PDB file of all heavy atoms in Angstrom:
ATOM      1  N   HIS A   1     109.821 108.519  91.439  1.00  0.00           N
ATOM      2  CA  HIS A   1     110.681 107.584  92.173  1.00  0.00           C
ATOM      3  C   HIS A   1     110.195 107.368  93.601  1.00  0.00           C
ATOM      4  O   HIS A   1     110.471 106.328  94.209  1.00  0.00           O
ATOM      5  CB  HIS A   1     112.119 108.126  92.204  1.00  0.00           C
ATOM      6  CG  HIS A   1     112.251 109.451  92.900  1.00  0.00           C
ATOM      7  ND1 HIS A   1     112.478 109.556  94.259  1.00  0.00           N
ATOM      8  CD2 HIS A   1     112.185 110.723  92.430  1.00  0.00           C
ATOM      9  CE1 HIS A   1     112.540 110.837  94.582  1.00  0.00           C
ATOM     10  NE2 HIS A   1     112.368 111.564  93.498  1.00  0.00           N
ATOM     11  N   GLU A   2     109.456 108.323  94.174  1.00  0.00           N
ATOM     12  CA  GLU A   2     109.072 108.245  95.578  1.00  0.00           C
ATOM     13  C   GLU A   2     108.072 107.136  95.877  1.00  0.00           C
ATOM     14  O   GLU A   2     107.884 106.767  97.038  1.00  0.00           O
ATOM     15  CB  GLU A   2     108.509 109.596  96.040  1.00  0.00           C
ATOM     16  CG  GLU A   2     109.582 110.679  96.093  1.00  0.00           C
ATOM     17  CD  GLU A   2     109.004 112.035  96.413  1.00  0.00           C
ATOM     18  OE1 GLU A   2     108.220 112.556  95.604  1.00  0.00           O
ATOM     19  OE2 GLU A   2     109.350 112.588  97.480  1.00  0.00           O
ATOM     20  N   LEU A   3     107.420 106.621  94.865  1.00  0.00           N
ATOM     21  CA  LEU A   3     106.463 105.532  95.073  1.00  0.00           C
ATOM     22  C   LEU A   3     106.993 104.188  94.597  1.00  0.00           C
ATOM     23  O   LEU A   3     106.271 103.196  94.596  1.00  0.00           O
ATOM     24  CB  LEU A   3     105.146 105.850  94.346  1.00  0.00           C
ATOM     25  CG  LEU A   3     104.387 107.090  94.830  1.00  0.00           C
ATOM     26  CD1 LEU A   3     103.124 107.293  94.012  1.00  0.00           C
ATOM     27  CD2 LEU A   3     104.054 106.997  96.317  1.00  0.00           C
ATOM     28  N   LEU A   4     108.268 104.142  94.223  1.00  0.00           N
ATOM     29  CA  LEU A   4     108.824 102.902  93.668  1.00  0.00           C
ATOM     30  C   LEU A   4     108.877 101.774  94.695  1.00  0.00           C
ATOM     31  O   LEU A   4     108.518 100.628  94.389  1.00  0.00           O
ATOM     32  CB  LEU A   4     110.224 103.149  93.115  1.00  0.00           C
ATOM     33  CG  LEU A   4     110.321 103.671  91.675  1.00  0.00           C
ATOM     34  CD1 LEU A   4     111.763 103.935  91.296  1.00  0.00           C
ATOM     35  CD2 LEU A   4     109.684 102.683  90.702  1.00  0.00           C
ATOM     36  N   LEU A   5     109.349 102.072  95.898  1.00  0.00           N
ATOM     37  CA  LEU A   5     109.526 101.001  96.892  1.00  0.00           C
ATOM     38  C   LEU A   5     108.202 100.336  97.244  1.00  0.00           C
ATOM     39  O   LEU A   5     108.091  99.104  97.246  1.00  0.00           O
ATOM     40  CB  LEU A   5     110.198 101.548  98.140  1.00  0.00           C
ATOM     41  CG  LEU A   5     111.724 101.659  98.090  1.00  0.00           C
ATOM     42  CD1 LEU A   5     112.248 102.385  99.320  1.00  0.00           C
ATOM     43  CD2 LEU A   5     112.360 100.277  97.977  1.00  0.00           C
ATOM     44  N   ALA A   6     107.189 101.145  97.564  1.00  0.00           N
ATOM     45  CA  ALA A   6     105.878 100.581  97.911  1.00  0.00           C
ATOM     46  C   ALA A   6     105.291  99.825  96.729  1.00  0.00           C
ATOM     47  O   ALA A   6     104.685  98.754  96.889  1.00  0.00           O
ATOM     48  CB  ALA A   6     104.933 101.692  98.364  1.00  0.00           C
ATOM     49  N   SER A   7     105.485 100.364  95.532  1.00  0.00           N
ATOM     50  CA  SER A   7     104.958  99.712  94.324  1.00  0.00           C
ATOM     51  C   SER A   7     105.657  98.384  94.076  1.00  0.00           C
ATOM     52  O   SER A   7     105.019  97.386  93.726  1.00  0.00           O
ATOM     53  CB  SER A   7     105.141 100.629  93.114  1.00  0.00           C
ATOM     54  OG  SER A   7     104.473 101.850  93.311  1.00  0.00           O
ATOM     55  N   TRP A   8     106.971  98.364  94.253  1.00  0.00           N
ATOM     56  CA  TRP A   8     107.736  97.130  94.067  1.00  0.00           C
ATOM     57  C   TRP A   8     107.269  96.059  95.054  1.00  0.00           C
ATOM     58  O   TRP A   8     107.083  94.901  94.685  1.00  0.00           O
ATOM     59  CB  TRP A   8     109.226  97.415  94.264  1.00  0.00           C
ATOM     60  CG  TRP A   8     110.042  96.167  94.428  1.00  0.00           C
ATOM     61  CD1 TRP A   8     110.468  95.325  93.452  1.00  0.00           C
ATOM     62  CD2 TRP A   8     110.509  95.615  95.672  1.00  0.00           C
ATOM     63  NE1 TRP A   8     111.169  94.275  94.007  1.00  0.00           N
ATOM     64  CE2 TRP A   8     111.211  94.428  95.365  1.00  0.00           C
ATOM     65  CE3 TRP A   8     110.408  96.011  97.008  1.00  0.00           C
ATOM     66  CZ2 TRP A   8     111.805  93.644  96.348  1.00  0.00           C
ATOM     67  CZ3 TRP A   8     110.996  95.228  97.981  1.00  0.00           C
ATOM     68  CH2 TRP A   8     111.685  94.060  97.651  1.00  0.00           C
ATOM     69  N   TRP A   9     107.077  96.451  96.304  1.00  0.00           N
ATOM     70  CA  TRP A   9     106.655  95.482  97.322  1.00  0.00           C
ATOM     71  C   TRP A   9     105.269  94.919  96.992  1.00  0.00           C
ATOM     72  O   TRP A   9     105.028  93.719  97.145  1.00  0.00           O
ATOM     73  CB  TRP A   9     106.652  96.126  98.696  1.00  0.00           C
ATOM     74  CG  TRP A   9     106.322  95.155  99.798  1.00  0.00           C
ATOM     75  CD1 TRP A   9     105.178  95.085 100.529  1.00  0.00           C
ATOM     76  CD2 TRP A   9     107.150  94.081 100.266  1.00  0.00           C
ATOM     77  NE1 TRP A   9     105.224  94.054 101.425  1.00  0.00           N
ATOM     78  CE2 TRP A   9     106.436  93.415 101.281  1.00  0.00           C
ATOM     79  CE3 TRP A   9     108.424  93.637  99.919  1.00  0.00           C
ATOM     80  CZ2 TRP A   9     106.953  92.324 101.959  1.00  0.00           C
ATOM     81  CZ3 TRP A   9     108.941  92.539 100.589  1.00  0.00           C
ATOM     82  CH2 TRP A   9     108.205  91.904 101.600  1.00  0.00           C
ATOM     83  N   TYR A  10     104.377  95.789  96.514  1.00  0.00           N
ATOM     84  CA  TYR A  10     103.049  95.314  96.143  1.00  0.00           C
ATOM     85  C   TYR A  10     103.147  94.316  94.985  1.00  0.00           C
ATOM     86  O   TYR A  10     102.542  93.240  95.020  1.00  0.00           O
ATOM     87  CB  TYR A  10     102.144  96.479  95.753  1.00  0.00           C
ATOM     88  CG  TYR A  10     100.818  96.019  95.208  1.00  0.00           C
ATOM     89  CD1 TYR A  10      99.768  95.688  96.067  1.00  0.00           C
ATOM     90  CD2 TYR A  10     100.599  95.858  93.834  1.00  0.00           C
ATOM     91  CE1 TYR A  10      98.560  95.212  95.582  1.00  0.00           C
ATOM     92  CE2 TYR A  10      99.408  95.385  93.340  1.00  0.00           C
ATOM     93  CZ  TYR A  10      98.387  95.068  94.221  1.00  0.00           C
ATOM     94  OH  TYR A  10      97.196  94.580  93.740  1.00  0.00           O
ATOM     95  N   CYS A  11     103.907  94.661  93.950  1.00  0.00           N
ATOM     96  CA  CYS A  11     104.023  93.786  92.779  1.00  0.00           C
ATOM     97  C   CYS A  11     104.729  92.479  93.113  1.00  0.00           C
ATOM     98  O   CYS A  11     104.456  91.445  92.490  1.00  0.00           O
ATOM     99  CB  CYS A  11     104.767  94.521  91.659  1.00  0.00           C
ATOM    100  SG  CYS A  11     103.837  95.908  90.971  1.00  0.00           S
ATOM    101  N   LYS A  12     105.625  92.520  94.093  1.00  0.00           N
ATOM    102  CA  LYS A  12     106.304  91.308  94.541  1.00  0.00           C
ATOM    103  C   LYS A  12     105.342  90.380  95.281  1.00  0.00           C
ATOM    104  O   LYS A  12     105.446  89.157  95.205  1.00  0.00           O
ATOM    105  CB  LYS A  12     107.470  91.687  95.460  1.00  0.00           C
ATOM    106  CG  LYS A  12     108.335  90.530  95.944  1.00  0.00           C
ATOM    107  CD  LYS A  12     109.506  91.073  96.751  1.00  0.00           C
ATOM    108  CE  LYS A  12     110.447  89.944  97.199  1.00  0.00           C
ATOM    109  NZ  LYS A  12     109.822  89.030  98.156  1.00  0.00           N
ATOM    110  N   SER A  13     104.378  90.986  95.969  1.00  0.00           N
ATOM    111  CA  SER A  13     103.448  90.210  96.787  1.00  0.00           C
ATOM    112  C   SER A  13     102.218  89.751  96.021  1.00  0.00           C
ATOM    113  O   SER A  13     101.553  88.798  96.425  1.00  0.00           O
ATOM    114  CB  SER A  13     103.005  91.044  98.000  1.00  0.00           C
ATOM    115  OG  SER A  13     104.133  91.518  98.726  1.00  0.00           O
ATOM    116  N   TYR A  14     101.920  90.473  94.932  1.00  0.00           N
ATOM    117  CA  TYR A  14     100.712  90.164  94.163  1.00  0.00           C
ATOM    118  C   TYR A  14     101.082  90.013  92.684  1.00  0.00           C
ATOM    119  O   TYR A  14     102.174  90.350  92.270  1.00  0.00           O
ATOM    120  CB  TYR A  14      99.659  91.261  94.331  1.00  0.00           C
ATOM    121  CG  TYR A  14      99.208  91.437  95.761  1.00  0.00           C
ATOM    122  CD1 TYR A  14      99.885  92.312  96.617  1.00  0.00           C
ATOM    123  CD2 TYR A  14      98.120  90.725  96.277  1.00  0.00           C
ATOM    124  CE1 TYR A  14      99.484  92.474  97.942  1.00  0.00           C
ATOM    125  CE2 TYR A  14      97.706  90.887  97.594  1.00  0.00           C
ATOM    126  CZ  TYR A  14      98.395  91.762  98.424  1.00  0.00           C
ATOM    127  OH  TYR A  14      97.998  91.918  99.718  1.00  0.00           O
ATOM    128  N   SER A  15     100.146  89.555  91.903  1.00  0.00           N
ATOM    129  CA  SER A  15     100.379  89.369  90.470  1.00  0.00           C
ATOM    130  C   SER A  15     100.140  90.695  89.745  1.00  0.00           C
ATOM    131  O   SER A  15      99.034  90.993  89.311  1.00  0.00           O
ATOM    132  CB  SER A  15      99.449  88.289  89.916  1.00  0.00           C
ATOM    133  OG  SER A  15      99.649  88.137  88.534  1.00  0.00           O
ATOM    134  N   CYS A  16     101.200  91.499  89.663  1.00  0.00           N
ATOM    135  CA  CYS A  16     101.079  92.826  89.059  1.00  0.00           C
ATOM    136  C   CYS A  16     102.393  93.198  88.391  1.00  0.00           C
ATOM    137  O   CYS A  16     103.475  92.950  88.942  1.00  0.00           O
ATOM    138  CB  CYS A  16     100.721  93.861  90.130  1.00  0.00           C
ATOM    139  SG  CYS A  16     100.549  95.549  89.514  1.00  0.00           S
ATOM    140  N   LYS A  17     102.322  93.786  87.203  1.00  0.00           N
ATOM    141  CA  LYS A  17     103.514  94.257  86.519  1.00  0.00           C
ATOM    142  C   LYS A  17     103.731  95.737  86.825  1.00  0.00           C
ATOM    143  O   LYS A  17     102.769  96.502  86.950  1.00  0.00           O
ATOM    144  CB  LYS A  17     103.390  94.041  85.008  1.00  0.00           C
ATOM    145  CG  LYS A  17     103.412  92.572  84.607  1.00  0.00           C
ATOM    146  CD  LYS A  17     103.392  92.408  83.104  1.00  0.00           C
ATOM    147  CE  LYS A  17     103.499  90.932  82.711  1.00  0.00           C
ATOM    148  NZ  LYS A  17     103.490  90.750  81.235  1.00  0.00           N
ATOM    149  N   LEU A  18     105.015  96.123  86.884  1.00  0.00           N
ATOM    150  CA  LEU A  18     105.367  97.488  87.272  1.00  0.00           C
ATOM    151  C   LEU A  18     106.152  98.175  86.155  1.00  0.00           C
ATOM    152  O   LEU A  18     107.158  97.656  85.679  1.00  0.00           O
ATOM    153  CB  LEU A  18     106.198  97.466  88.564  1.00  0.00           C
ATOM    154  CG  LEU A  18     106.729  98.802  89.082  1.00  0.00           C
ATOM    155  CD1 LEU A  18     105.591  99.790  89.333  1.00  0.00           C
ATOM    156  CD2 LEU A  18     107.540  98.583  90.362  1.00  0.00           C
ATOM    157  N   ILE A  19     105.660  99.352  85.756  1.00  0.00           N
ATOM    158  CA  ILE A  19     106.337 100.210  84.784  1.00  0.00           C
ATOM    159  C   ILE A  19     106.725 101.510  85.483  1.00  0.00           C
ATOM    160  O   ILE A  19     105.920 102.084  86.226  1.00  0.00           O
ATOM    161  CB  ILE A  19     105.432 100.514  83.569  1.00  0.00           C
ATOM    162  CG1 ILE A  19     105.124  99.236  82.789  1.00  0.00           C
ATOM    163  CG2 ILE A  19     106.091 101.543  82.651  1.00  0.00           C
ATOM    164  CD1 ILE A  19     104.147  99.458  81.637  1.00  0.00           C
ATOM    165  N   TYR A  20     107.929 101.972  85.237  1.00  0.00           N
ATOM    166  CA  TYR A  20     108.413 103.227  85.797  1.00  0.00           C
ATOM    167  C   TYR A  20     108.411 104.275  84.687  1.00  0.00           C
ATOM    168  O   TYR A  20     109.152 104.155  83.708  1.00  0.00           O
ATOM    169  CB  TYR A  20     109.829 103.014  86.344  1.00  0.00           C
ATOM    170  CG  TYR A  20     110.484 104.202  87.019  1.00  0.00           C
ATOM    171  CD1 TYR A  20     109.761 105.302  87.479  1.00  0.00           C
ATOM    172  CD2 TYR A  20     111.870 104.201  87.216  1.00  0.00           C
ATOM    173  CE1 TYR A  20     110.383 106.359  88.110  1.00  0.00           C
ATOM    174  CE2 TYR A  20     112.511 105.257  87.853  1.00  0.00           C
ATOM    175  CZ  TYR A  20     111.766 106.334  88.296  1.00  0.00           C
ATOM    176  OH  TYR A  20     112.400 107.391  88.918  1.00  0.00           O
ATOM    177  N   ASP A  21     107.561 105.272  84.831  1.00  0.00           N
ATOM    178  CA  ASP A  21     107.513 106.371  83.866  1.00  0.00           C
ATOM    179  C   ASP A  21     108.527 107.422  84.300  1.00  0.00           C
ATOM    180  O   ASP A  21     108.272 108.210  85.209  1.00  0.00           O
ATOM    181  CB  ASP A  21     106.106 106.966  83.806  1.00  0.00           C
ATOM    182  CG  ASP A  21     106.003 108.134  82.833  1.00  0.00           C
ATOM    183  OD1 ASP A  21     106.671 108.073  81.786  1.00  0.00           O
ATOM    184  OD2 ASP A  21     105.275 109.099  83.129  1.00  0.00           O
ATOM    185  N   VAL A  22     109.677 107.441  83.651  1.00  0.00           N
ATOM    186  CA  VAL A  22     110.764 108.339  84.038  1.00  0.00           C
ATOM    187  C   VAL A  22     110.518 109.699  83.379  1.00  0.00           C
ATOM    188  O   VAL A  22     110.817 109.906  82.203  1.00  0.00           O
ATOM    189  CB  VAL A  22     112.139 107.782  83.613  1.00  0.00           C
ATOM    190  CG1 VAL A  22     113.256 108.678  84.135  1.00  0.00           C
ATOM    191  CG2 VAL A  22     112.312 106.358  84.130  1.00  0.00           C
ATOM    192  N   GLN A  23     109.961 110.616  84.156  1.00  0.00           N
ATOM    193  CA  GLN A  23     109.627 111.935  83.635  1.00  0.00           C
ATOM    194  C   GLN A  23     110.802 112.903  83.735  1.00  0.00           C
ATOM    195  O   GLN A  23     110.831 113.925  83.043  1.00  0.00           O
ATOM    196  CB  GLN A  23     108.420 112.501  84.372  1.00  0.00           C
ATOM    197  CG  GLN A  23     107.171 111.649  84.210  1.00  0.00           C
ATOM    198  CD  GLN A  23     105.940 112.283  84.810  1.00  0.00           C
ATOM    199  OE1 GLN A  23     105.938 113.442  85.209  1.00  0.00           O
ATOM    200  NE2 GLN A  23     104.857 111.524  84.872  1.00  0.00           N
ATOM    201  N   GLU A  24     111.742 112.596  84.629  1.00  0.00           N
ATOM    202  CA  GLU A  24     112.922 113.435  84.798  1.00  0.00           C
ATOM    203  C   GLU A  24     114.098 112.542  85.193  1.00  0.00           C
ATOM    204  O   GLU A  24     113.903 111.452  85.724  1.00  0.00           O
ATOM    205  CB  GLU A  24     112.702 114.485  85.895  1.00  0.00           C
ATOM    206  CG  GLU A  24     111.540 115.430  85.663  1.00  0.00           C
ATOM    207  CD  GLU A  24     111.358 116.385  86.829  1.00  0.00           C
ATOM    208  OE1 GLU A  24     112.363 116.889  87.350  1.00  0.00           O
ATOM    209  OE2 GLU A  24     110.201 116.629  87.207  1.00  0.00           O
ATOM    210  N   ASN A  25     115.311 113.044  84.942  1.00  0.00           N
ATOM    211  CA  ASN A  25     116.498 112.402  85.501  1.00  0.00           C
ATOM    212  C   ASN A  25     116.651 112.989  86.899  1.00  0.00           C
ATOM    213  O   ASN A  25     117.370 113.970  87.109  1.00  0.00           O
ATOM    214  CB  ASN A  25     117.718 112.692  84.625  1.00  0.00           C
ATOM    215  CG  ASN A  25     118.966 111.966  85.115  1.00  0.00           C
ATOM    216  OD1 ASN A  25     119.034 111.531  86.259  1.00  0.00           O
ATOM    217  ND2 ASN A  25     119.952 111.851  84.255  1.00  0.00           N
ATOM    218  N   TYR A  26     115.940 112.392  87.851  1.00  0.00           N
ATOM    219  CA  TYR A  26     115.790 113.008  89.175  1.00  0.00           C
ATOM    220  C   TYR A  26     117.122 113.223  89.879  1.00  0.00           C
ATOM    221  O   TYR A  26     117.355 114.266  90.493  1.00  0.00           O
ATOM    222  CB  TYR A  26     114.866 112.137  90.046  1.00  0.00           C
ATOM    223  CG  TYR A  26     113.482 111.991  89.496  1.00  0.00           C
ATOM    224  CD1 TYR A  26     113.082 110.835  88.841  1.00  0.00           C
ATOM    225  CD2 TYR A  26     112.558 113.027  89.610  1.00  0.00           C
ATOM    226  CE1 TYR A  26     111.801 110.698  88.311  1.00  0.00           C
ATOM    227  CE2 TYR A  26     111.279 112.904  89.098  1.00  0.00           C
ATOM    228  CZ  TYR A  26     110.910 111.737  88.450  1.00  0.00           C
ATOM    229  OH  TYR A  26     109.644 111.613  87.928  1.00  0.00           O
ATOM    230  N   SER A  27     117.995 112.253  89.810  1.00  0.00           N
ATOM    231  CA  SER A  27     119.277 112.372  90.486  1.00  0.00           C
ATOM    232  C   SER A  27     120.091 113.531  89.910  1.00  0.00           C
ATOM    233  O   SER A  27     120.672 114.334  90.646  1.00  0.00           O
ATOM    234  CB  SER A  27     120.054 111.060  90.353  1.00  0.00           C
ATOM    235  OG  SER A  27     121.291 111.144  91.015  1.00  0.00           O
ATOM    236  N   LEU A  28     120.114 113.655  88.594  1.00  0.00           N
ATOM    237  CA  LEU A  28     120.843 114.754  87.956  1.00  0.00           C
ATOM    238  C   LEU A  28     120.203 116.092  88.291  1.00  0.00           C
ATOM    239  O   LEU A  28     120.906 117.083  88.543  1.00  0.00           O
ATOM    240  CB  LEU A  28     120.875 114.546  86.441  1.00  0.00           C
ATOM    241  CG  LEU A  28     121.551 115.649  85.624  1.00  0.00           C
ATOM    242  CD1 LEU A  28     123.001 115.827  86.035  1.00  0.00           C
ATOM    243  CD2 LEU A  28     121.452 115.354  84.135  1.00  0.00           C
ATOM    244  N   ASN A  29     118.884 116.149  88.287  1.00  0.00           N
ATOM    245  CA  ASN A  29     118.199 117.395  88.644  1.00  0.00           C
ATOM    246  C   ASN A  29     118.609 117.882  90.029  1.00  0.00           C
ATOM    247  O   ASN A  29     118.862 119.073  90.241  1.00  0.00           O
ATOM    248  CB  ASN A  29     116.687 117.191  88.622  1.00  0.00           C
ATOM    249  CG  ASN A  29     116.136 117.118  87.207  1.00  0.00           C
ATOM    250  OD1 ASN A  29     116.887 117.094  86.251  1.00  0.00           O
ATOM    251  ND2 ASN A  29     114.828 117.064  87.091  1.00  0.00           N
ATOM    252  N   LEU A  30     118.688 116.948  90.970  1.00  0.00           N
ATOM    253  CA  LEU A  30     119.021 117.322  92.343  1.00  0.00           C
ATOM    254  C   LEU A  30     120.430 117.887  92.441  1.00  0.00           C
ATOM    255  O   LEU A  30     120.672 118.871  93.150  1.00  0.00           O
ATOM    256  CB  LEU A  30     118.871 116.105  93.263  1.00  0.00           C
ATOM    257  CG  LEU A  30     117.427 115.700  93.581  1.00  0.00           C
ATOM    258  CD1 LEU A  30     117.383 114.300  94.177  1.00  0.00           C
ATOM    259  CD2 LEU A  30     116.790 116.701  94.554  1.00  0.00           C
ATOM    260  N   THR A  31     121.375 117.285  91.742  1.00  0.00           N
ATOM    261  CA  THR A  31     122.763 117.742  91.846  1.00  0.00           C
ATOM    262  C   THR A  31     123.018 118.992  91.013  1.00  0.00           C
ATOM    263  O   THR A  31     123.836 119.842  91.392  1.00  0.00           O
ATOM    264  CB  THR A  31     123.740 116.639  91.412  1.00  0.00           C
ATOM    265  OG1 THR A  31     123.415 116.210  90.082  1.00  0.00           O
ATOM    266  CG2 THR A  31     123.662 115.450  92.358  1.00  0.00           C
ATOM    267  N   ALA A  32     122.336 119.138  89.875  1.00  0.00           N
ATOM    268  CA  ALA A  32     122.625 120.246  88.960  1.00  0.00           C
ATOM    269  C   ALA A  32     121.868 121.520  89.296  1.00  0.00           C
ATOM    270  O   ALA A  32     122.287 122.614  88.912  1.00  0.00           O
ATOM    271  CB  ALA A  32     122.310 119.828  87.525  1.00  0.00           C
ATOM    272  N   GLN A  33     120.745 121.389  90.009  1.00  0.00           N
ATOM    273  CA  GLN A  33     119.945 122.561  90.337  1.00  0.00           C
ATOM    274  C   GLN A  33     120.165 122.978  91.790  1.00  0.00           C
ATOM    275  O   GLN A  33     120.713 122.224  92.593  1.00  0.00           O
ATOM    276  CB  GLN A  33     118.467 122.277  90.061  1.00  0.00           C
ATOM    277  CG  GLN A  33     118.202 121.933  88.588  1.00  0.00           C
ATOM    278  CD  GLN A  33     116.757 121.590  88.298  1.00  0.00           C
ATOM    279  OE1 GLN A  33     115.851 121.874  89.087  1.00  0.00           O
ATOM    280  NE2 GLN A  33     116.517 120.975  87.147  1.00  0.00           N
ATOM    281  N   ASP A  34     119.728 124.180  92.124  1.00  0.00           N
ATOM    282  CA  ASP A  34     120.028 124.762  93.437  1.00  0.00           C
ATOM    283  C   ASP A  34     118.820 124.802  94.364  1.00  0.00           C
ATOM    284  O   ASP A  34     118.657 125.731  95.153  1.00  0.00           O
ATOM    285  CB  ASP A  34     120.578 126.183  93.254  1.00  0.00           C
ATOM    286  CG  ASP A  34     121.914 126.185  92.538  1.00  0.00           C
ATOM    287  OD1 ASP A  34     122.685 125.241  92.756  1.00  0.00           O
ATOM    288  OD2 ASP A  34     122.167 127.125  91.761  1.00  0.00           O
ATOM    289  N   THR A  35     117.981 123.782  94.276  1.00  0.00           N
ATOM    290  CA  THR A  35     116.791 123.754  95.126  1.00  0.00           C
ATOM    291  C   THR A  35     117.153 123.517  96.593  1.00  0.00           C
ATOM    292  O   THR A  35     116.534 124.081  97.498  1.00  0.00           O
ATOM    293  CB  THR A  35     115.829 122.648  94.655  1.00  0.00           C
ATOM    294  OG1 THR A  35     115.550 122.839  93.251  1.00  0.00           O
ATOM    295  CG2 THR A  35     114.532 122.682  95.437  1.00  0.00           C
ATOM    296  N   TYR A  36     118.175 122.692  96.851  1.00  0.00           N
ATOM    297  CA  TYR A  36     118.594 122.361  98.214  1.00  0.00           C
ATOM    298  C   TYR A  36     120.068 122.735  98.411  1.00  0.00           C
ATOM    299  O   TYR A  36     120.785 123.005  97.443  1.00  0.00           O
ATOM    300  CB  TYR A  36     118.396 120.867  98.491  1.00  0.00           C
ATOM    301  CG  TYR A  36     116.985 120.376  98.262  1.00  0.00           C
ATOM    302  CD1 TYR A  36     116.665 119.642  97.105  1.00  0.00           C
ATOM    303  CD2 TYR A  36     115.979 120.636  99.171  1.00  0.00           C
ATOM    304  CE1 TYR A  36     115.363 119.187  96.887  1.00  0.00           C
ATOM    305  CE2 TYR A  36     114.678 120.179  98.960  1.00  0.00           C
ATOM    306  CZ  TYR A  36     114.382 119.464  97.821  1.00  0.00           C
ATOM    307  OH  TYR A  36     113.103 119.023  97.595  1.00  0.00           O
ATOM    308  N   ASN A  37     120.504 122.698  99.663  1.00  0.00           N
ATOM    309  CA  ASN A  37     121.912 123.018  99.926  1.00  0.00           C
ATOM    310  C   ASN A  37     122.805 121.884  99.392  1.00  0.00           C
ATOM    311  O   ASN A  37     122.353 120.751  99.213  1.00  0.00           O
ATOM    312  CB  ASN A  37     122.153 123.264 101.423  1.00  0.00           C
ATOM    313  CG  ASN A  37     122.093 121.997 102.253  1.00  0.00           C
ATOM    314  OD1 ASN A  37     122.898 121.083 102.091  1.00  0.00           O
ATOM    315  ND2 ASN A  37     121.138 121.946 103.180  1.00  0.00           N
ATOM    316  N   PRO A  38     124.088 122.191  99.125  1.00  0.00           N
ATOM    317  CA  PRO A  38     124.958 121.232  98.420  1.00  0.00           C
ATOM    318  C   PRO A  38     125.058 119.857  99.058  1.00  0.00           C
ATOM    319  O   PRO A  38     125.045 118.838  98.347  1.00  0.00           O
ATOM    320  CB  PRO A  38     126.318 121.943  98.417  1.00  0.00           C
ATOM    321  CG  PRO A  38     125.978 123.394  98.477  1.00  0.00           C
ATOM    322  CD  PRO A  38     124.749 123.484  99.338  1.00  0.00           C
ATOM    323  N   VAL A  39     125.166 119.783 100.385  1.00  0.00           N
ATOM    324  CA  VAL A  39     125.308 118.487 101.043  1.00  0.00           C
ATOM    325  C   VAL A  39     124.007 117.688 100.952  1.00  0.00           C
ATOM    326  O   VAL A  39     123.995 116.503 100.593  1.00  0.00           O
ATOM    327  CB  VAL A  39     125.726 118.658 102.511  1.00  0.00           C
ATOM    328  CG1 VAL A  39     125.742 117.313 103.227  1.00  0.00           C
ATOM    329  CG2 VAL A  39     127.097 119.330 102.598  1.00  0.00           C
ATOM    330  N   PHE A  40     122.889 118.351 101.264  1.00  0.00           N
ATOM    331  CA  PHE A  40     121.599 117.675 101.294  1.00  0.00           C
ATOM    332  C   PHE A  40     121.223 117.176  99.897  1.00  0.00           C
ATOM    333  O   PHE A  40     120.714 116.059  99.736  1.00  0.00           O
ATOM    334  CB  PHE A  40     120.529 118.626 101.828  1.00  0.00           C
ATOM    335  CG  PHE A  40     119.189 117.975 102.057  1.00  0.00           C
ATOM    336  CD1 PHE A  40     119.077 116.763 102.720  1.00  0.00           C
ATOM    337  CD2 PHE A  40     118.023 118.583 101.605  1.00  0.00           C
ATOM    338  CE1 PHE A  40     117.855 116.163 102.938  1.00  0.00           C
ATOM    339  CE2 PHE A  40     116.786 117.999 101.812  1.00  0.00           C
ATOM    340  CZ  PHE A  40     116.710 116.788 102.480  1.00  0.00           C
ATOM    341  N   LYS A  41     121.475 117.993  98.864  1.00  0.00           N
ATOM    342  CA  LYS A  41     121.060 117.573  97.525  1.00  0.00           C
ATOM    343  C   LYS A  41     121.882 116.384  97.025  1.00  0.00           C
ATOM    344  O   LYS A  41     121.364 115.526  96.309  1.00  0.00           O
ATOM    345  CB  LYS A  41     121.112 118.739  96.544  1.00  0.00           C
ATOM    346  CG  LYS A  41     122.485 119.229  96.143  1.00  0.00           C
ATOM    347  CD  LYS A  41     122.367 120.416  95.178  1.00  0.00           C
ATOM    348  CE  LYS A  41     123.711 120.878  94.660  1.00  0.00           C
ATOM    349  NZ  LYS A  41     123.573 122.036  93.739  1.00  0.00           N
TER     350      LYS A  41
END
């Protein structure tokens, strides 16, 4: 997800198709796991 914005802008400016390979449910991982403190996650 961290490269989506730059990729979207490039594809919007040039003739390029964009596919998102979703390897994880990133939002759920952040809330369900204890990697960060509750507010930050």
